[in-house]
Amino acid sequence: MLEEIDFKFKLAEVNKKMKEILRNRERIILELRFGLNGKKPRTQNEIAKQLKISRSYVSRIENKALEIIKMKNK
């Protein structure tokens, strides 16, 4: 029970930080990819179909967003 509350708190903090440093599309892709929206994680193919973009474009956006997060946490 306490672990679940802690997890939800940390998840809220992650989402808040992502909104501060990422563009909307980058944030949406990471939320879908890693299940940060409370749902199961999605594959790049699933995200590409949902957003009507190519899988390789999803991959590029995902990688760029993760790099931005890494740079902001240094």
N, C-alpha and C. Protein backbone atom coordinates (compact mmCIF):
# COMPACT_ATOMS: atom_id res chain seq x y z
N MET A 1 0.83 -1.20 0.00
CA MET A 1 0.00 0.00 0.00
C MET A 1 0.87 1.25 0.00
N LEU A 2 1.83 1.32 0.91
CA LEU A 2 2.72 2.47 0.99
C LEU A 2 3.59 2.58 -0.26
N GLU A 3 4.01 1.42 -0.79
CA GLU A 3 4.81 1.41 -2.00
C GLU A 3 4.02 1.95 -3.19
N GLU A 4 2.74 1.63 -3.25
CA GLU A 4 1.88 2.10 -4.34
C GLU A 4 1.71 3.62 -4.27
N ILE A 5 1.54 4.15 -3.08
CA ILE A 5 1.42 5.59 -2.90
C ILE A 5 2.72 6.28 -3.31
N ASP A 6 3.85 5.71 -2.89
CA ASP A 6 5.16 6.26 -3.25
C ASP A 6 5.35 6.26 -4.76
N PHE A 7 4.96 5.15 -5.41
CA PHE A 7 5.07 5.05 -6.86
C PHE A 7 4.23 6.12 -7.55
N LYS A 8 3.00 6.29 -7.10
CA LYS A 8 2.11 7.29 -7.71
C LYS A 8 2.66 8.71 -7.53
N PHE A 9 3.24 8.97 -6.37
CA PHE A 9 3.85 10.28 -6.12
C PHE A 9 5.02 10.52 -7.07
N LYS A 10 5.89 9.52 -7.19
CA LYS A 10 7.03 9.64 -8.09
C LYS A 10 6.59 9.80 -9.54
N LEU A 11 5.57 9.06 -9.94
CA LEU A 11 5.04 9.15 -11.29
C LEU A 11 4.50 10.56 -11.57
N ALA A 12 3.83 11.14 -10.60
CA ALA A 12 3.32 12.51 -10.75
C ALA A 12 4.46 13.50 -10.91
N GLU A 13 5.54 13.30 -10.17
CA GLU A 13 6.71 14.17 -10.28
C GLU A 13 7.37 14.04 -11.64
N VAL A 14 7.48 12.82 -12.14
CA VAL A 14 8.06 12.59 -13.47
C VAL A 14 7.22 13.30 -14.53
N ASN A 15 5.91 13.14 -14.45
CA ASN A 15 5.03 13.78 -15.43
C ASN A 15 5.13 15.30 -15.36
N LYS A 16 5.23 15.85 -14.17
CA LYS A 16 5.37 17.30 -14.00
C LYS A 16 6.66 17.79 -14.65
N LYS A 17 7.77 17.10 -14.40
CA LYS A 17 9.06 17.48 -14.98
C LYS A 17 9.02 17.37 -16.50
N MET A 18 8.41 16.30 -17.00
CA MET A 18 8.33 16.12 -18.45
C MET A 18 7.57 17.27 -19.10
N LYS A 19 6.50 17.73 -18.46
CA LYS A 19 5.73 18.85 -19.01
C LYS A 19 6.57 20.12 -19.05
N GLU A 20 7.49 20.26 -18.11
CA GLU A 20 8.33 21.45 -18.04
C GLU A 20 9.41 21.47 -19.12
N ILE A 21 9.95 20.31 -19.48
CA ILE A 21 11.12 20.30 -20.35
C ILE A 21 10.91 19.73 -21.75
N LEU A 22 9.80 19.04 -21.98
CA LEU A 22 9.58 18.40 -23.28
C LEU A 22 8.45 19.07 -24.05
N ARG A 23 8.54 18.97 -25.35
CA ARG A 23 7.43 19.38 -26.19
C ARG A 23 6.30 18.37 -26.03
N ASN A 24 5.11 18.77 -26.42
CA ASN A 24 3.93 17.94 -26.23
C ASN A 24 4.06 16.56 -26.88
N ARG A 25 4.50 16.52 -28.12
CA ARG A 25 4.61 15.24 -28.83
C ARG A 25 5.66 14.33 -28.18
N GLU A 26 6.77 14.90 -27.74
CA GLU A 26 7.81 14.12 -27.06
C GLU A 26 7.26 13.51 -25.78
N ARG A 27 6.53 14.32 -25.02
CA ARG A 27 5.95 13.86 -23.76
C ARG A 27 4.93 12.75 -24.00
N ILE A 28 4.07 12.94 -24.98
CA ILE A 28 3.05 11.94 -25.29
C ILE A 28 3.70 10.61 -25.67
N ILE A 29 4.72 10.67 -26.49
CA ILE A 29 5.38 9.43 -26.93
C ILE A 29 6.02 8.71 -25.74
N LEU A 30 6.69 9.44 -24.85
CA LEU A 30 7.29 8.78 -23.69
C LEU A 30 6.22 8.22 -22.76
N GLU A 31 5.13 8.96 -22.58
CA GLU A 31 4.04 8.46 -21.73
C GLU A 31 3.50 7.15 -22.27
N LEU A 32 3.25 7.11 -23.57
CA LEU A 32 2.73 5.89 -24.19
C LEU A 32 3.76 4.76 -24.17
N ARG A 33 4.98 5.09 -24.50
CA ARG A 33 6.04 4.09 -24.63
C ARG A 33 6.35 3.38 -23.31
N PHE A 34 6.36 4.16 -22.22
CA PHE A 34 6.75 3.59 -20.93
C PHE A 34 5.59 3.44 -19.95
N GLY A 35 4.37 3.67 -20.41
CA GLY A 35 3.20 3.49 -19.56
C GLY A 35 3.10 4.53 -18.45
N LEU A 36 3.61 5.72 -18.70
CA LEU A 36 3.60 6.76 -17.67
C LEU A 36 2.23 7.42 -17.52
N ASN A 37 1.29 7.01 -18.34
CA ASN A 37 -0.06 7.53 -18.27
C ASN A 37 -0.98 6.57 -17.50
N GLY A 38 -0.38 5.61 -16.81
CA GLY A 38 -1.17 4.66 -16.03
C GLY A 38 -1.66 3.46 -16.81
N LYS A 39 -1.33 3.41 -18.08
CA LYS A 39 -1.73 2.29 -18.93
C LYS A 39 -0.51 1.45 -19.26
N LYS A 40 -0.73 0.33 -19.93
CA LYS A 40 0.40 -0.54 -20.26
C LYS A 40 1.31 0.13 -21.29
N PRO A 41 2.61 -0.13 -21.21
CA PRO A 41 3.54 0.43 -22.20
C PRO A 41 3.20 -0.04 -23.61
N ARG A 42 3.41 0.83 -24.57
CA ARG A 42 3.11 0.53 -25.97
C ARG A 42 4.39 0.37 -26.77
N THR A 43 4.31 -0.38 -27.84
CA THR A 43 5.45 -0.51 -28.75
C THR A 43 5.52 0.72 -29.64
N GLN A 44 6.66 0.89 -30.27
CA GLN A 44 6.80 2.01 -31.21
C GLN A 44 5.82 1.87 -32.37
N ASN A 45 5.58 0.65 -32.80
CA ASN A 45 4.63 0.42 -33.90
C ASN A 45 3.22 0.83 -33.50
N GLU A 46 2.81 0.49 -32.28
CA GLU A 46 1.48 0.85 -31.81
C GLU A 46 1.33 2.38 -31.73
N ILE A 47 2.37 3.02 -31.23
CA ILE A 47 2.34 4.48 -31.11
C ILE A 47 2.30 5.12 -32.50
N ALA A 48 3.09 4.59 -33.41
CA ALA A 48 3.12 5.12 -34.78
C ALA A 48 1.73 5.04 -35.42
N LYS A 49 1.06 3.93 -35.25
CA LYS A 49 -0.28 3.79 -35.82
C LYS A 49 -1.25 4.78 -35.18
N GLN A 50 -1.17 4.92 -33.86
CA GLN A 50 -2.07 5.83 -33.15
C GLN A 50 -1.86 7.28 -33.58
N LEU A 51 -0.60 7.69 -33.73
CA LEU A 51 -0.29 9.07 -34.07
C LEU A 51 -0.21 9.31 -35.58
N LYS A 52 -0.35 8.23 -36.34
CA LYS A 52 -0.29 8.30 -37.81
C LYS A 52 1.04 8.88 -38.31
N ILE A 53 2.11 8.35 -37.73
CA ILE A 53 3.47 8.69 -38.16
C ILE A 53 4.24 7.39 -38.30
N SER A 54 5.44 7.44 -38.85
CA SER A 54 6.22 6.21 -39.04
C SER A 54 6.85 5.75 -37.73
N ARG A 55 7.15 4.46 -37.65
CA ARG A 55 7.79 3.91 -36.48
C ARG A 55 9.17 4.52 -36.27
N SER A 56 9.87 4.77 -37.38
CA SER A 56 11.20 5.36 -37.26
C SER A 56 11.12 6.79 -36.71
N TYR A 57 10.05 7.51 -37.04
CA TYR A 57 9.89 8.86 -36.51
C TYR A 57 9.59 8.81 -35.01
N VAL A 58 8.80 7.83 -34.59
CA VAL A 58 8.55 7.63 -33.16
C VAL A 58 9.88 7.37 -32.46
N SER A 59 10.71 6.54 -33.05
CA SER A 59 12.01 6.21 -32.46
C SER A 59 12.88 7.46 -32.33
N ARG A 60 12.92 8.28 -33.37
CA ARG A 60 13.73 9.50 -33.33
C ARG A 60 13.23 10.46 -32.25
N ILE A 61 11.91 10.63 -32.17
CA ILE A 61 11.35 11.52 -31.15
C ILE A 61 11.63 10.98 -29.75
N GLU A 62 11.46 9.68 -29.58
CA GLU A 62 11.73 9.04 -28.28
C GLU A 62 13.19 9.25 -27.87
N ASN A 63 14.12 8.99 -28.78
CA ASN A 63 15.54 9.15 -28.47
C ASN A 63 15.88 10.61 -28.15
N LYS A 64 15.32 11.53 -28.91
CA LYS A 64 15.57 12.95 -28.66
C LYS A 64 15.05 13.35 -27.28
N ALA A 65 13.86 12.90 -26.93
CA ALA A 65 13.26 13.23 -25.63
C ALA A 65 14.09 12.66 -24.49
N LEU A 66 14.58 11.45 -24.65
CA LEU A 66 15.41 10.85 -23.60
C LEU A 66 16.73 11.60 -23.45
N GLU A 67 17.29 12.07 -24.57
CA GLU A 67 18.52 12.87 -24.50
C GLU A 67 18.29 14.19 -23.78
N ILE A 68 17.15 14.82 -24.07
CA ILE A 68 16.81 16.08 -23.39
C ILE A 68 16.72 15.85 -21.89
N ILE A 69 16.08 14.77 -21.49
CA ILE A 69 15.94 14.46 -20.06
C ILE A 69 17.31 14.22 -19.43
N LYS A 70 18.16 13.47 -20.13
CA LYS A 70 19.52 13.21 -19.61
C LYS A 70 20.29 14.50 -19.42
N MET A 71 20.20 15.40 -20.41
CA MET A 71 20.94 16.65 -20.34
C MET A 71 20.43 17.54 -19.20
N LYS A 72 19.16 17.54 -18.95
CA LYS A 72 18.56 18.37 -17.90
C LYS A 72 18.89 17.83 -16.50
N ASN A 73 19.23 16.56 -16.42
CA ASN A 73 19.53 15.94 -15.12
C ASN A 73 20.99 15.91 -14.77
N LYS A 74 21.83 16.55 -15.56
CA LYS A 74 23.27 16.58 -15.27
C LYS A 74 23.58 17.64 -14.26
